[in-house]
C-alpha atoms as a PDB file:
ATOM      1  CA  MET A   1      98.364 113.402 135.321  1.00  0.00           C
ATOM      2  CA  LYS A   2     101.744 113.812 136.692  1.00  0.00           C
ATOM      3  CA  GLN A   3     103.346 110.436 136.305  1.00  0.00           C
ATOM      4  CA  ALA A   4     105.479 109.355 133.418  1.00  0.00           C
ATOM      5  CA  VAL A   5     107.363 105.943 132.800  1.00  0.00           C
ATOM      6  CA  ILE A   6     110.278 105.651 130.646  1.00  0.00           C
ATOM      7  CA  LEU A   7     111.459 102.188 129.333  1.00  0.00           C
ATOM      8  CA  ALA A   8     115.278 102.527 129.242  1.00  0.00           C
ATOM      9  CA  GLY A   9     116.726  99.036 129.530  1.00  0.00           C
ATOM     10  CA  GLY A  10     117.289  97.906 125.917  1.00  0.00           C
ATOM     11  CA  PHE A  11     120.751  96.893 124.452  1.00  0.00           C
ATOM     12  CA  GLY A  12     120.799  99.553 121.626  1.00  0.00           C
ATOM     13  CA  THR A  13     122.323  96.970 119.423  1.00  0.00           C
ATOM     14  CA  ARG A  14     122.147  99.110 116.464  1.00  0.00           C
ATOM     15  CA  MET A  15     124.415 101.497 118.024  1.00  0.00           C
ATOM     16  CA  ARG A  16     127.111  99.206 118.890  1.00  0.00           C
ATOM     17  CA  ASP A  17     129.892 101.778 118.902  1.00  0.00           C
ATOM     18  CA  GLU A  18     127.953 103.917 121.620  1.00  0.00           C
ATOM     19  CA  SER A  19     126.179 101.199 123.238  1.00  0.00           C
ATOM     20  CA  ASP A  20     129.198  98.930 124.018  1.00  0.00           C
ATOM     21  CA  PHE A  21     130.151 101.109 126.734  1.00  0.00           C
ATOM     22  CA  ARG A  22     127.035 102.967 127.842  1.00  0.00           C
ATOM     23  CA  PRO A  23     123.292 102.544 127.636  1.00  0.00           C
ATOM     24  CA  LYS A  24     121.535 104.349 124.886  1.00  0.00           C
ATOM     25  CA  PRO A  25     119.568 106.488 126.961  1.00  0.00           C
ATOM     26  CA  LEU A  26     122.754 108.127 127.758  1.00  0.00           C
ATOM     27  CA  VAL A  27     123.890 108.964 124.244  1.00  0.00           C
ATOM     28  CA  GLN A  28     124.401 112.549 124.237  1.00  0.00           C
ATOM     29  CA  ILE A  29     122.515 115.155 122.028  1.00  0.00           C
ATOM     30  CA  GLY A  30     124.751 118.057 122.385  1.00  0.00           C
ATOM     31  CA  GLU A  31     125.835 118.373 125.890  1.00  0.00           C
ATOM     32  CA  ARG A  32     123.003 116.261 127.437  1.00  0.00           C
ATOM     33  CA  PRO A  33     121.994 112.444 126.997  1.00  0.00           C
ATOM     34  CA  ILE A  34     118.817 111.628 125.322  1.00  0.00           C
ATOM     35  CA  LEU A  35     117.096 110.801 128.520  1.00  0.00           C
ATOM     36  CA  GLU A  36     117.720 114.216 129.894  1.00  0.00           C
ATOM     37  CA  HIS A  37     115.704 115.628 126.926  1.00  0.00           C
ATOM     38  CA  ILE A  38     113.070 113.443 127.348  1.00  0.00           C
ATOM     39  CA  ILE A  39     112.639 114.269 130.921  1.00  0.00           C
ATOM     40  CA  PHE A  40     112.745 117.831 130.246  1.00  0.00           C
ATOM     41  CA  ILE A  41     110.188 117.592 127.248  1.00  0.00           C
ATOM     42  CA  LEU A  42     107.849 116.113 129.667  1.00  0.00           C
ATOM     43  CA  ALA A  43     108.613 118.328 132.803  1.00  0.00           C
ATOM     44  CA  LYS A  44     107.906 121.387 130.947  1.00  0.00           C
ATOM     45  CA  GLN A  45     104.574 119.957 130.321  1.00  0.00           C
ATOM     46  CA  GLY A  46     103.629 119.134 134.169  1.00  0.00           C
ATOM     47  CA  PHE A  47     105.297 115.907 134.762  1.00  0.00           C
ATOM     48  CA  THR A  48     106.776 115.765 138.094  1.00  0.00           C
ATOM     49  CA  ASP A  49     107.001 111.798 138.925  1.00  0.00           C
ATOM     50  CA  PHE A  50     109.038 109.603 136.674  1.00  0.00           C
ATOM     51  CA  ILE A  51     109.492 106.237 136.789  1.00  0.00           C
ATOM     52  CA  VAL A  52     112.717 104.932 134.694  1.00  0.00           C
ATOM     53  CA  LEU A  53     112.767 101.190 133.875  1.00  0.00           C
ATOM     54  CA  LEU A  54     116.448  99.812 134.096  1.00  0.00           C
ATOM     55  CA  GLY A  55     118.026  97.018 132.477  1.00  0.00           C
ATOM     56  CA  TYR A  56     121.419  97.119 130.092  1.00  0.00           C
ATOM     57  CA  LYS A  57     123.920  98.976 132.080  1.00  0.00           C
ATOM     58  CA  GLY A  58     121.300 100.660 134.085  1.00  0.00           C
ATOM     59  CA  ILE A  59     123.618 101.553 137.039  1.00  0.00           C
ATOM     60  CA  GLN A  60     125.083 104.049 134.668  1.00  0.00           C
ATOM     61  CA  ILE A  61     121.794 105.861 134.286  1.00  0.00           C
ATOM     62  CA  ARG A  62     121.045 105.807 138.172  1.00  0.00           C
ATOM     63  CA  ASP A  63     124.875 107.040 138.927  1.00  0.00           C
ATOM     64  CA  HIS A  64     124.428 110.059 136.172  1.00  0.00           C
ATOM     65  CA  PHE A  65     121.318 111.406 138.028  1.00  0.00           C
ATOM     66  CA  ILE A  66     122.867 110.673 141.303  1.00  0.00           C
ATOM     67  CA  LYS A  67     125.200 113.375 140.373  1.00  0.00           C
ATOM     68  CA  PHE A  68     122.849 115.509 138.294  1.00  0.00           C
ATOM     69  CA  ARG A  69     122.872 118.598 140.621  1.00  0.00           C
ATOM     70  CA  GLU A  70     126.825 118.372 140.695  1.00  0.00           C
ATOM     71  CA  HIS A  71     126.671 118.518 136.877  1.00  0.00           C
ATOM     72  CA  THR A  72     124.266 121.373 136.302  1.00  0.00           C
ATOM     73  CA  THR A  73     124.598 123.945 139.014  1.00  0.00           C
ATOM     74  CA  THR A  74     127.320 126.279 140.156  1.00  0.00           C
ATOM     75  CA  THR A  75     128.744 124.708 143.282  1.00  0.00           C
ATOM     76  CA  LYS A  76     130.638 126.053 146.105  1.00  0.00           C
ATOM     77  CA  ILE A  77     132.699 123.633 148.084  1.00  0.00           C
ATOM     78  CA  ASN A  78     134.406 124.364 151.225  1.00  0.00           C
ATOM     79  CA  LEU A  79     137.688 122.712 150.935  1.00  0.00           C
ATOM     80  CA  LYS A  80     138.064 122.609 155.044  1.00  0.00           C
ATOM     81  CA  THR A  81     134.990 121.204 156.176  1.00  0.00           C
ATOM     82  CA  GLY A  82     133.769 119.615 152.887  1.00  0.00           C
ATOM     83  CA  GLU A  83     130.587 121.431 152.995  1.00  0.00           C
ATOM     84  CA  VAL A  84     128.897 121.475 149.534  1.00  0.00           C
ATOM     85  CA  ASN A  85     126.587 124.236 148.371  1.00  0.00           C
ATOM     86  CA  TYR A  86     124.453 124.471 145.029  1.00  0.00           C
ATOM     87  CA  LEU A  87     123.932 128.398 144.379  1.00  0.00           C
ATOM     88  CA  ASP A  88     121.659 128.196 141.493  1.00  0.00           C
ATOM     89  CA  ASP A  89     118.626 126.134 139.928  1.00  0.00           C
ATOM     90  CA  SER A  90     119.230 123.082 138.333  1.00  0.00           C
ATOM     91  CA  LEU A  91     118.231 122.478 134.479  1.00  0.00           C
ATOM     92  CA  PHE A  92     114.949 120.669 135.435  1.00  0.00           C
ATOM     93  CA  PRO A  93     111.604 121.771 137.180  1.00  0.00           C
ATOM     94  CA  ARG A  94     111.131 120.256 140.600  1.00  0.00           C
ATOM     95  CA  CYS A  95     110.587 116.645 139.840  1.00  0.00           C
ATOM     96  CA  GLU A  96     111.305 113.023 141.459  1.00  0.00           C
ATOM     97  CA  ILE A  97     112.743 109.969 139.479  1.00  0.00           C
ATOM     98  CA  THR A  98     112.342 106.318 140.541  1.00  0.00           C
ATOM     99  CA  PHE A  99     114.739 104.181 139.060  1.00  0.00           C
ATOM    100  CA  MET A 100     113.866 100.372 138.958  1.00  0.00           C
ATOM    101  CA  ASP A 101     115.766  97.544 137.536  1.00  0.00           C
ATOM    102  CA  THR A 102     113.636  95.342 135.650  1.00  0.00           C
ATOM    103  CA  GLY A 103     116.277  92.796 134.440  1.00  0.00           C
ATOM    104  CA  GLU A 104     118.941  92.937 131.829  1.00  0.00           C
ATOM    105  CA  GLU A 105     116.857  90.469 129.456  1.00  0.00           C
ATOM    106  CA  SER A 106     113.451  91.582 130.098  1.00  0.00           C
ATOM    107  CA  LEU A 107     111.392  92.403 126.972  1.00  0.00           C
ATOM    108  CA  THR A 108     109.369  95.649 127.062  1.00  0.00           C
ATOM    109  CA  GLY A 109     106.107  94.475 128.450  1.00  0.00           C
ATOM    110  CA  GLU A 110     107.814  92.482 131.096  1.00  0.00           C
ATOM    111  CA  ARG A 111     109.518  95.494 132.589  1.00  0.00           C
ATOM    112  CA  LEU A 112     106.376  97.407 132.842  1.00  0.00           C
ATOM    113  CA  ARG A 113     104.487  94.413 134.337  1.00  0.00           C
ATOM    114  CA  ARG A 114     107.290  94.455 136.828  1.00  0.00           C
ATOM    115  CA  ALA A 115     106.655  98.154 137.851  1.00  0.00           C
ATOM    116  CA  SER A 116     103.125  97.783 138.383  1.00  0.00           C
ATOM    117  CA  LYS A 117     102.945  98.499 142.137  1.00  0.00           C
ATOM    118  CA  TYR A 118     104.706 101.935 141.534  1.00  0.00           C
ATOM    119  CA  LEU A 119     102.090 103.034 138.819  1.00  0.00           C
ATOM    120  CA  GLU A 120      99.280 105.424 139.299  1.00  0.00           C
ATOM    121  CA  ASN A 121      95.905 104.569 138.015  1.00  0.00           C
ATOM    122  CA  GLU A 122      96.807 106.531 134.663  1.00  0.00           C
ATOM    123  CA  PHE A 123     100.263 107.444 133.340  1.00  0.00           C
ATOM    124  CA  LEU A 124     102.495 108.448 130.067  1.00  0.00           C
ATOM    125  CA  LEU A 125     104.607 105.634 128.827  1.00  0.00           C
ATOM    126  CA  THR A 126     107.300 106.101 126.514  1.00  0.00           C
ATOM    127  CA  TYR A 127     110.757 104.939 125.206  1.00  0.00           C
ATOM    128  CA  GLY A 128     114.177 106.020 126.281  1.00  0.00           C
ATOM    129  CA  ASP A 129     115.391 106.941 123.029  1.00  0.00           C
ATOM    130  CA  GLY A 130     112.779 109.077 121.046  1.00  0.00           C
ATOM    131  CA  ILE A 131     112.034 112.596 121.217  1.00  0.00           C
ATOM    132  CA  ALA A 132     109.213 114.766 119.903  1.00  0.00           C
ATOM    133  CA  ASN A 133     107.390 117.622 120.435  1.00  0.00           C
ATOM    134  CA  VAL A 134     104.196 116.039 121.301  1.00  0.00           C
ATOM    135  CA  ASN A 135     101.420 118.383 122.859  1.00  0.00           C
ATOM    136  CA  VAL A 136     100.619 116.169 125.845  1.00  0.00           C
ATOM    137  CA  ALA A 137      97.525 118.082 126.829  1.00  0.00           C
ATOM    138  CA  ASP A 138      96.193 117.593 123.101  1.00  0.00           C
ATOM    139  CA  LEU A 139      97.351 113.674 123.610  1.00  0.00           C
ATOM    140  CA  ILE A 140      95.150 113.308 127.097  1.00  0.00           C
ATOM    141  CA  GLU A 141      92.320 115.206 125.574  1.00  0.00           C
ATOM    142  CA  SER A 142      92.347 112.463 122.737  1.00  0.00           C
ATOM    143  CA  HIS A 143      92.773 109.711 125.272  1.00  0.00           C
ATOM    144  CA  LYS A 144      89.611 110.843 127.416  1.00  0.00           C
ATOM    145  CA  ALA A 145      87.420 111.138 124.289  1.00  0.00           C
ATOM    146  CA  SER A 146      87.977 107.753 123.251  1.00  0.00           C
ATOM    147  CA  ASN A 147      86.876 105.937 126.229  1.00  0.00           C
ATOM    148  CA  CYS A 148      89.917 103.410 125.552  1.00  0.00           C
ATOM    149  CA  PRO A 149      92.479 102.226 128.331  1.00  0.00           C
ATOM    150  CA  VAL A 150      95.400 102.947 126.071  1.00  0.00           C
ATOM    151  CA  THR A 151      96.239 105.478 123.629  1.00  0.00           C
ATOM    152  CA  VAL A 152      99.323 105.186 121.412  1.00  0.00           C
ATOM    153  CA  THR A 153     100.939 108.312 119.755  1.00  0.00           C
ATOM    154  CA  VAL A 154     101.670 107.634 115.934  1.00  0.00           C
ATOM    155  CA  THR A 155     103.355 109.458 113.040  1.00  0.00           C
ATOM    156  CA  GLN A 156     103.958 109.047 109.646  1.00  0.00           C
ATOM    157  CA  ASN A 157     107.029 106.683 108.813  1.00  0.00           C
ATOM    158  CA  PRO A 158     109.620 109.124 107.287  1.00  0.00           C
ATOM    159  CA  SER A 159     111.077 107.492 104.148  1.00  0.00           C
ATOM    160  CA  ARG A 160     115.122 108.214 103.618  1.00  0.00           C
ATOM    161  CA  PHE A 161     115.036 107.408 100.234  1.00  0.00           C
ATOM    162  CA  GLY A 162     114.119 108.846  97.042  1.00  0.00           C
ATOM    163  CA  VAL A 163     110.903 107.697  94.915  1.00  0.00           C
ATOM    164  CA  VAL A 164     110.945 106.467  91.502  1.00  0.00           C
ATOM    165  CA  LYS A 165     107.895 105.488  89.449  1.00  0.00           C
ATOM    166  CA  ILE A 166     108.626 103.546  86.253  1.00  0.00           C
ATOM    167  CA  SER A 167     106.603 102.497  83.316  1.00  0.00           C
ATOM    168  CA  GLU A 168     106.129  98.771  82.095  1.00  0.00           C
ATOM    169  CA  GLY A 169     108.790  99.460  79.779  1.00  0.00           C
ATOM    170  CA  GLY A 170     111.407 100.319  82.418  1.00  0.00           C
ATOM    171  CA  LYS A 171     111.597 104.175  81.698  1.00  0.00           C
ATOM    172  CA  VAL A 172     111.529 106.617  84.586  1.00  0.00           C
ATOM    173  CA  MET A 173     108.165 108.081  84.807  1.00  0.00           C
ATOM    174  CA  SER A 174     108.788 110.415  87.831  1.00  0.00           C
ATOM    175  CA  PHE A 175     111.387 110.879  90.397  1.00  0.00           C
ATOM    176  CA  SER A 176     111.203 112.688  93.842  1.00  0.00           C
ATOM    177  CA  GLU A 177     113.682 113.175  96.447  1.00  0.00           C
ATOM    178  CA  LYS A 178     113.040 112.018 100.397  1.00  0.00           C
ATOM    179  CA  ARG A 179     109.441 112.141 100.916  1.00  0.00           C
ATOM    180  CA  GLU A 180     107.301 111.083 104.101  1.00  0.00           C
ATOM    181  CA  GLY A 181     105.826 107.660 103.947  1.00  0.00           C
ATOM    182  CA  HIS A 182     102.182 106.912 104.275  1.00  0.00           C
ATOM    183  CA  ASP A 183     102.408 104.062 106.904  1.00  0.00           C
ATOM    184  CA  LEU A 184     102.098 105.223 110.318  1.00  0.00           C
ATOM    185  CA  ILE A 185     104.400 104.081 113.152  1.00  0.00           C
ATOM    186  CA  ASN A 186     104.123 103.678 116.881  1.00  0.00           C
ATOM    187  CA  MET A 187     106.435 106.661 118.674  1.00  0.00           C
ATOM    188  CA  GLY A 188     105.518 105.766 122.050  1.00  0.00           C
ATOM    189  CA  PHE A 189     104.053 108.716 124.236  1.00  0.00           C
ATOM    190  CA  PHE A 190     101.355 106.250 125.359  1.00  0.00           C
ATOM    191  CA  ILE A 191      98.726 107.246 127.729  1.00  0.00           C
ATOM    192  CA  VAL A 192      97.673 103.905 129.980  1.00  0.00           C
ATOM    193  CA  LYS A 193      95.160 103.072 132.366  1.00  0.00           C
ATOM    194  CA  LYS A 194      96.804 100.640 135.020  1.00  0.00           C
ATOM    195  CA  GLU A 195      93.754  98.689 134.700  1.00  0.00           C
ATOM    196  CA  SER A 196      94.453  97.562 131.385  1.00  0.00           C
ATOM    197  CA  LEU A 197      97.536  95.705 132.444  1.00  0.00           C
ATOM    198  CA  ALA A 198      95.212  92.885 132.822  1.00  0.00           C
ATOM    199  CA  LEU A 199      95.805  92.146 129.226  1.00  0.00           C
ATOM    200  CA  LEU A 200      99.634  92.112 129.903  1.00  0.00           C
ATOM    201  CA  PRO A 201     100.972  88.495 129.866  1.00  0.00           C
ATOM    202  CA  PRO A 202     104.143  87.902 131.532  1.00  0.00           C
ATOM    203  CA  ASP A 203     107.729  87.772 129.631  1.00  0.00           C
ATOM    204  CA  THR A 204     106.135  89.569 126.168  1.00  0.00           C
ATOM    205  CA  MET A 205     106.693  92.746 124.225  1.00  0.00           C
ATOM    206  CA  LEU A 206     104.213  95.358 124.972  1.00  0.00           C
ATOM    207  CA  GLU A 207     104.318  96.134 121.192  1.00  0.00           C
ATOM    208  CA  VAL A 208     102.942  92.580 120.463  1.00  0.00           C
ATOM    209  CA  GLU A 209     100.855  90.729 122.876  1.00  0.00           C
ATOM    210  CA  PHE A 210      99.665  93.637 124.781  1.00  0.00           C
ATOM    211  CA  MET A 211      98.893  95.844 121.974  1.00  0.00           C
ATOM    212  CA  HIS A 212      97.183  93.029 120.167  1.00  0.00           C
ATOM    213  CA  ASN A 213      95.207  92.022 122.994  1.00  0.00           C
ATOM    214  CA  LEU A 214      93.614  95.661 123.239  1.00  0.00           C
ATOM    215  CA  ILE A 215      93.187  95.766 119.517  1.00  0.00           C
ATOM    216  CA  LYS A 216      90.992  92.315 119.730  1.00  0.00           C
ATOM    217  CA  VAL A 217      88.458  93.966 122.187  1.00  0.00           C
ATOM    218  CA  GLY A 218      88.602  97.439 120.310  1.00  0.00           C
ATOM    219  CA  LYS A 219      90.278  99.335 123.034  1.00  0.00           C
ATOM    220  CA  LEU A 220      93.076 100.980 121.623  1.00  0.00           C
ATOM    221  CA  ASN A 221      93.196 104.583 120.848  1.00  0.00           C
ATOM    222  CA  SER A 222      95.319 106.573 118.453  1.00  0.00           C
ATOM    223  CA  TYR A 223      96.615 110.054 118.488  1.00  0.00           C
ATOM    224  CA  LYS A 224      98.149 111.299 115.314  1.00  0.00           C
ATOM    225  CA  HIS A 225     101.220 113.456 115.995  1.00  0.00           C
ATOM    226  CA  ASP A 226     102.236 115.751 112.929  1.00  0.00           C
ATOM    227  CA  GLY A 227     105.251 117.628 114.491  1.00  0.00           C
ATOM    228  CA  PHE A 228     108.952 116.658 114.998  1.00  0.00           C
ATOM    229  CA  PHE A 229     109.950 112.855 115.803  1.00  0.00           C
ATOM    230  CA  ALA A 230     113.282 111.173 116.142  1.00  0.00           C
ATOM    231  CA  ALA A 231     113.900 107.867 117.208  1.00  0.00           C
ATOM    232  CA  ILE A 232     117.536 107.283 117.825  1.00  0.00           C
ATOM    233  CA  ASP A 233     118.211 103.993 116.625  1.00  0.00           C
ATOM    234  CA  THR A 234     121.392 104.148 114.479  1.00  0.00           C
ATOM    235  CA  PRO A 235     124.439 106.551 114.348  1.00  0.00           C
ATOM    236  CA  ARG A 236     122.918 108.409 111.366  1.00  0.00           C
ATOM    237  CA  ASP A 237     119.905 109.172 113.554  1.00  0.00           C
ATOM    238  CA  LEU A 238     122.161 110.533 116.282  1.00  0.00           C
ATOM    239  CA  ASP A 239     124.306 112.621 113.712  1.00  0.00           C
ATOM    240  CA  ARG A 240     120.877 114.150 112.416  1.00  0.00           C
ATOM    241  CA  VAL A 241     119.653 115.461 115.854  1.00  0.00           C
ATOM    242  CA  ASN A 242     123.212 116.497 116.633  1.00  0.00           C
ATOM    243  CA  ARG A 243     123.338 118.638 113.758  1.00  0.00           C
ATOM    244  CA  LEU A 244     120.083 120.036 114.704  1.00  0.00           C
ATOM    245  CA  TYR A 245     121.300 120.511 118.035  1.00  0.00           C
ATOM    246  CA  LYS A 246     124.647 122.454 116.898  1.00  0.00           C
ATOM    247  CA  ASP A 247     122.409 124.690 114.544  1.00  0.00           C
ATOM    248  CA  GLY A 248     120.543 125.962 117.467  1.00  0.00           C
ATOM    249  CA  ALA A 249     117.504 124.347 116.503  1.00  0.00           C
ATOM    250  CA  LEU A 250     115.635 121.953 118.996  1.00  0.00           C
ATOM    251  CA  PRO A 251     112.394 120.927 117.420  1.00  0.00           C
ATOM    252  CA  TRP A 252     111.688 118.326 119.824  1.00  0.00           C
ATOM    253  CA  LEU A 253     110.650 120.915 122.447  1.00  0.00           C
ATOM    254  CA  ILE A 254     107.105 122.652 122.531  1.00  0.00           C
END
């Protein structure tokens, strides 16, 4: 499997200070935007064909990658002739990225439906704001063993708050600091067979109608990820991963 599809068209409403002037996938972790980190995670595991589904301020994402080589290599310019030479390899392994405008107001399912003509028979699908050290080889093995057309990667829901247990009389019986929640959440990193898109209605959410339709026919597999995961939804989330980056810890890499 070499193809990965990335949903990168949302408005990022919970990160207004950032998303007012750029799309959330271009918000930076360290010196690189989130989307570069996601592509790097997957490229290092063998993916070479990427499709980025654009929407809100999508032209900024496309333009960023058009100039990507200029930003990431040592560049030699002949001022007389205008000739440009790139003197070393870029950050990423060799890969190709297709940028497709899927509409500013489109829902996630509709974005994927519009991209169907570019999709291979089986592909990885994920969100443009989530980073994780998912072992994709293990994910694919789980998918193959399930005989289901779609596999969703799940992880425990992290709790940001301390947990307090009280007696019927109101006295505190125990107090523990932040702990992992017991509920499992969808973290992206789907494996999808193209044939399953027959269950994807137009103008719908991938996470609602499509997933529910798969569940009804017993065709949605899950792969549990116990490693690092961060969804960059809020300024707090962004601060957390930037602190990790600053400290030299990159737990989202295999």
